[in-house]
């Protein structure tokens, strides 16, 4: 089967037989009650969630932050981002998230 290469952001993840769009990924995360979303800025993917402040920050309460994921936005990488979002969601749910663990 020939590989589909999207030309536009709106076509990202249109693969035969499986929905790998940004919207589909975020719907699956929401359905699983994972409190992390995947965002696209330009041609890169980011994980967004309410996280505790970074060490040395002036803030004292958790707030919404984007984690730079350092990968390009394409269908294969969306699957990787979804898996990483689930891992981050589990760390947050079990209150085991720590900036020192090298998550970002």
Foldseek 3Di string as FASTA:
>chain_A
DDDDDDPDLVCAQPDPPDRQHQVVLQVVCVVVVQQWGWDDDDFFIWIWHFDADAPPDPDGGTDIDTHGPPDGRHSVVSVVVSVLSVVVSVCVVVVNDDVVVPSD
